[in-house]
């Protein structure tokens, strides 16, 4: 008996991540790219017309919530890689997926190596409570810090047993010490030539530990995207983070 392919639509198909997703889905023998939509297209109508099961969305934070609601209400499963969604927006989408009994995923980072970087960093935080995060991205990235850096800070805060004692700091220039996320400093770098990079720096007695991940091309995210397209078919809720599928 022939296994039916999963019917996938790429929303934001003309963007850089969208174009990579089109190539990746076309190359995967278990997935069937049935449509691509972009700015000005009727997403909900396309989902119904092409009997779409999964929608991969790489658009912008400004329209991500509206797109996700359209996807879920049209009966498809969202695979969202758009950065910059707020916690209350994620909660709203989780509730909607649960109501509709649909699987879905929002992932700050679809690179499997980045997920492992976060996992190993969370393990290290148990022993190294002094930690800071440096994230580096291309100069066209609009939001800062990155979703990956915020997610990393959340995981580090969950894992470490204690918060290092504060010392009196004076920023000569405001922002010099970076953003403060749950008492963990995040530093954002934006430069041409970069794609997506992050390092987590730990300091201890006479030693340091650095855990770093580098994406040199956008195709580094595609194995995670294709994995998510398949795994959401077995879920009846929306999850946040690719680590839950590994």
Protein backbone atom coordinates (compact mmCIF):
# COMPACT_ATOMS: atom_id res chain seq x y z
CA UNK A 1 0.00 0.00 0.00
CA UNK A 2 1.40 3.38 -1.05
CA UNK A 3 1.78 5.92 1.74
CA UNK A 4 0.01 9.18 0.95
CA UNK A 5 2.24 12.24 0.90
CA UNK A 6 1.72 15.13 3.30
CA UNK A 7 0.24 18.09 1.43
CA UNK A 8 2.29 21.22 2.22
CA UNK A 9 1.83 24.91 1.44
CA UNK A 10 4.69 27.42 1.87
CA UNK A 11 3.51 30.86 2.99
CA UNK A 12 6.07 33.56 2.29
CA UNK A 13 7.30 31.44 -0.60
CA UNK A 14 9.04 34.35 -2.35
CA UNK A 15 11.21 35.25 0.64
CA UNK A 16 14.67 33.83 1.25
CA UNK A 17 13.55 31.28 3.84
CA UNK A 18 10.44 30.56 1.79
CA UNK A 19 12.50 29.75 -1.30
CA UNK A 20 14.71 27.38 0.69
CA UNK A 21 11.60 25.72 2.10
CA UNK A 22 10.20 25.22 -1.40
CA UNK A 23 13.39 23.44 -2.46
CA UNK A 24 13.52 21.31 0.69
CA UNK A 25 9.88 20.20 0.56
CA UNK A 26 10.16 19.39 -3.15
CA UNK A 27 13.20 17.21 -2.41
CA UNK A 28 11.58 15.27 0.45
CA UNK A 29 9.93 12.00 -0.71
CA UNK A 30 7.35 12.12 2.11
CA UNK A 31 6.13 15.66 1.37
CA UNK A 32 4.10 17.10 -1.50
CA UNK A 33 4.37 20.84 -2.18
CA UNK A 34 0.88 21.69 -3.43
CA UNK A 35 0.97 25.50 -3.25
CA UNK A 36 2.95 28.61 -2.39
CA UNK A 37 1.47 31.90 -1.19
CA UNK A 38 2.87 35.33 -0.48
CA UNK A 39 1.84 38.91 0.16
CA UNK A 40 -1.55 39.64 -1.39
CA UNK A 41 -2.67 36.00 -1.68
CA UNK A 42 -5.67 34.59 0.18
CA UNK A 43 -4.04 32.09 2.52
CA UNK A 44 -7.22 30.54 3.93
CA UNK A 45 -8.72 30.13 0.46
CA UNK A 46 -5.55 28.42 -0.81
CA UNK A 47 -5.55 25.99 2.13
CA UNK A 48 -9.10 24.89 1.27
CA UNK A 49 -8.56 24.88 -2.50
CA UNK A 50 -5.45 22.70 -2.40
CA UNK A 51 -6.57 20.52 0.54
CA UNK A 52 -3.48 21.55 2.48
CA UNK A 53 -2.50 19.60 5.60
CA UNK A 54 0.57 21.59 6.74
CA UNK A 55 1.48 25.25 6.21
CA UNK A 56 5.09 26.38 6.62
CA UNK A 57 5.11 30.09 7.48
CA UNK A 58 8.23 32.26 7.15
CA UNK A 59 6.81 35.77 6.93
CA UNK A 60 7.12 38.66 9.43
CA UNK A 61 6.17 39.14 13.06
CA UNK A 62 3.66 41.82 12.03
CA UNK A 63 1.45 39.28 10.24
CA UNK A 64 2.52 36.01 11.92
CA UNK A 65 -0.38 35.87 14.38
CA UNK A 66 -3.00 36.66 11.75
CA UNK A 67 -1.50 34.06 9.41
CA UNK A 68 -1.37 31.41 12.12
CA UNK A 69 -5.01 31.97 13.08
CA UNK A 70 -6.01 31.68 9.40
CA UNK A 71 -4.04 28.44 9.05
CA UNK A 72 -5.58 26.81 12.12
CA UNK A 73 -9.14 27.96 11.45
CA UNK A 74 -8.85 26.62 7.88
CA UNK A 75 -7.99 23.20 9.32
CA UNK A 76 -4.27 23.01 8.51
CA UNK A 77 -1.31 22.50 10.84
CA UNK A 78 1.06 25.47 11.26
CA UNK A 79 4.84 25.12 11.12
CA UNK A 80 5.96 28.64 12.03
CA UNK A 81 9.52 29.90 11.84
CA UNK A 82 8.68 33.60 11.96
CA UNK A 83 10.73 35.32 14.65
CA UNK A 84 9.46 37.86 17.15
CA UNK A 85 6.16 36.35 18.31
CA UNK A 86 5.15 37.43 21.82
CA UNK A 87 4.42 34.93 24.64
CA UNK A 88 0.76 35.96 24.77
CA UNK A 89 0.45 35.35 21.01
CA UNK A 90 1.95 31.89 21.40
CA UNK A 91 -0.52 31.16 24.23
CA UNK A 92 -3.43 32.28 22.05
CA UNK A 93 -2.36 29.95 19.23
CA UNK A 94 -1.85 27.05 21.64
CA UNK A 95 -5.40 27.46 22.88
CA UNK A 96 -6.74 27.61 19.32
CA UNK A 97 -4.87 24.45 18.25
CA UNK A 98 -6.13 22.60 21.34
CA UNK A 99 -9.69 23.68 20.55
CA UNK A 100 -9.35 22.49 16.94
CA UNK A 101 -7.38 19.37 17.98
CA UNK A 102 -4.63 20.24 15.50
CA UNK A 103 -0.90 19.80 15.85
CA UNK A 104 1.48 22.66 15.19
CA UNK A 105 4.87 24.08 16.05
CA UNK A 106 6.44 27.49 16.54
CA UNK A 107 10.22 27.19 16.50
CA UNK A 108 12.64 30.05 17.25
CA UNK A 109 15.24 28.03 15.34
CA UNK A 110 14.81 25.05 13.02
CA UNK A 111 18.52 24.19 12.87
CA UNK A 112 18.99 20.91 14.72
CA UNK A 113 22.48 22.00 15.79
CA UNK A 114 21.02 25.13 17.40
CA UNK A 115 18.54 23.02 19.36
CA UNK A 116 21.41 20.87 20.62
CA UNK A 117 23.37 24.01 21.52
CA UNK A 118 20.46 25.11 23.71
CA UNK A 119 20.15 21.65 25.28
CA UNK A 120 23.86 21.43 26.13
CA UNK A 121 23.82 24.98 27.47
CA UNK A 122 20.91 24.13 29.73
CA UNK A 123 22.89 21.18 31.09
CA UNK A 124 25.98 23.35 31.67
CA UNK A 125 23.99 26.03 33.54
CA UNK A 126 23.53 23.59 36.43
CA UNK A 127 27.25 23.88 37.11
CA UNK A 128 28.04 27.35 35.70
CA UNK A 129 25.47 29.92 36.91
CA UNK A 130 27.56 32.82 35.52
CA UNK A 131 26.47 32.93 31.87
CA UNK A 132 25.86 35.39 29.04
CA UNK A 133 24.52 34.96 25.50
CA UNK A 134 25.88 36.55 22.33
CA UNK A 135 23.75 36.19 19.21
CA UNK A 136 24.94 37.31 15.78
CA UNK A 137 22.75 37.73 12.70
CA UNK A 138 22.70 39.36 9.26
CA UNK A 139 22.01 43.08 9.16
CA UNK A 140 18.54 42.62 7.64
CA UNK A 141 17.14 40.91 10.73
CA UNK A 142 14.58 43.29 12.22
CA UNK A 143 14.11 41.99 15.76
CA UNK A 144 16.60 41.88 18.62
CA UNK A 145 17.31 39.83 20.61
CA UNK A 146 16.63 36.83 18.42
CA UNK A 147 13.95 34.33 19.37
CA UNK A 148 16.68 31.73 19.82
CA UNK A 149 18.54 33.92 22.32
CA UNK A 150 15.37 34.58 24.33
CA UNK A 151 14.52 30.87 24.33
CA UNK A 152 18.09 30.07 25.44
CA UNK A 153 17.87 32.55 28.31
CA UNK A 154 14.59 30.99 29.43
CA UNK A 155 16.14 27.51 29.43
CA UNK A 156 19.25 28.71 31.29
CA UNK A 157 17.11 30.42 33.94
CA UNK A 158 15.10 27.23 34.44
CA UNK A 159 18.22 25.13 34.81
CA UNK A 160 20.58 27.06 37.06
CA UNK A 161 20.16 26.57 40.79
CA UNK A 162 21.16 30.09 41.80
CA UNK A 163 21.48 33.60 40.41
CA UNK A 164 24.97 35.06 40.88
CA UNK A 165 25.20 37.90 43.35
CA UNK A 166 24.77 41.28 41.68
CA UNK A 167 27.51 43.87 41.85
CA UNK A 168 27.05 47.58 41.41
CA UNK A 169 27.43 48.22 37.68
CA UNK A 170 27.59 51.54 35.90
CA UNK A 171 26.94 51.64 32.17
CA UNK A 172 28.88 54.59 30.75
CA UNK A 173 26.79 54.16 27.60
CA UNK A 174 23.26 52.74 28.19
CA UNK A 175 22.90 49.22 26.81
CA UNK A 176 26.59 48.38 27.08
CA UNK A 177 25.81 45.33 29.21
CA UNK A 178 23.16 44.10 26.81
CA UNK A 179 19.55 43.14 27.40
CA UNK A 180 18.50 41.53 30.66
CA UNK A 181 16.38 38.40 30.24
CA UNK A 182 15.66 36.66 33.55
CA UNK A 183 18.96 38.00 34.96
CA UNK A 184 20.89 36.68 31.95
CA UNK A 185 22.58 39.18 29.65
CA UNK A 186 21.95 38.92 25.90
CA UNK A 187 24.10 40.79 23.38
CA UNK A 188 22.89 41.21 19.78
CA UNK A 189 25.24 41.73 16.81
CA UNK A 190 23.94 42.68 13.34
CA UNK A 191 26.41 42.66 10.44
CA UNK A 192 26.45 41.85 6.73
CA UNK A 193 28.17 38.54 6.03
CA UNK A 194 26.54 36.78 8.97
CA UNK A 195 23.57 34.39 8.72
CA UNK A 196 22.62 33.06 12.19
CA UNK A 197 25.08 32.39 15.00
CA UNK A 198 24.97 32.14 18.77
CA UNK A 199 27.41 31.45 21.55
CA UNK A 200 26.70 30.87 25.22
CA UNK A 201 29.60 31.87 27.47
CA UNK A 202 29.97 30.38 30.94
CA UNK A 203 32.45 31.54 33.56
CA UNK A 204 33.68 29.60 36.56
CA UNK A 205 36.63 29.45 38.91
CA UNK A 206 39.74 29.85 36.69
CA UNK A 207 37.85 28.49 33.67
CA UNK A 208 35.39 29.35 30.93
CA UNK A 209 33.15 27.25 28.70
CA UNK A 210 31.81 28.36 25.32
CA UNK A 211 29.05 26.52 23.45
CA UNK A 212 28.54 27.88 19.95
CA UNK A 213 26.41 27.12 16.92
CA UNK A 214 26.81 28.59 13.42
CA UNK A 215 24.41 28.50 10.47
CA UNK A 216 26.35 29.47 7.36
CA UNK A 217 23.44 29.09 4.95
CA UNK A 218 19.68 29.12 5.27
CA UNK A 219 19.50 25.53 4.08
CA UNK A 220 20.81 24.55 7.54
CA UNK A 221 17.25 25.05 8.84
CA UNK A 222 15.60 22.80 6.27
CA UNK A 223 16.07 19.32 7.86
CA UNK A 224 14.27 20.70 10.91
CA UNK A 225 11.49 22.21 8.79
CA UNK A 226 10.86 18.93 6.96
CA UNK A 227 10.96 17.00 10.23
CA UNK A 228 8.38 19.38 11.72
CA UNK A 229 6.07 18.99 8.70
CA UNK A 230 5.93 15.26 9.37
CA UNK A 231 5.79 15.27 13.16
CA UNK A 232 2.92 17.78 13.47
CA UNK A 233 0.67 15.24 11.75
CA UNK A 234 0.86 13.11 14.91
CA UNK A 235 0.18 15.97 17.35
CA UNK A 236 -3.11 17.41 18.61
CA UNK A 237 -1.57 20.50 20.22
CA UNK A 238 0.81 23.32 19.34
CA UNK A 239 4.32 23.11 20.78
CA UNK A 240 7.00 25.78 21.12
CA UNK A 241 10.52 24.70 20.20
CA UNK A 242 11.93 22.03 17.89
CA UNK A 243 13.50 20.21 20.87
CA UNK A 244 10.11 18.65 21.64
CA UNK A 245 10.23 16.76 18.33
CA UNK A 246 13.76 15.35 18.66
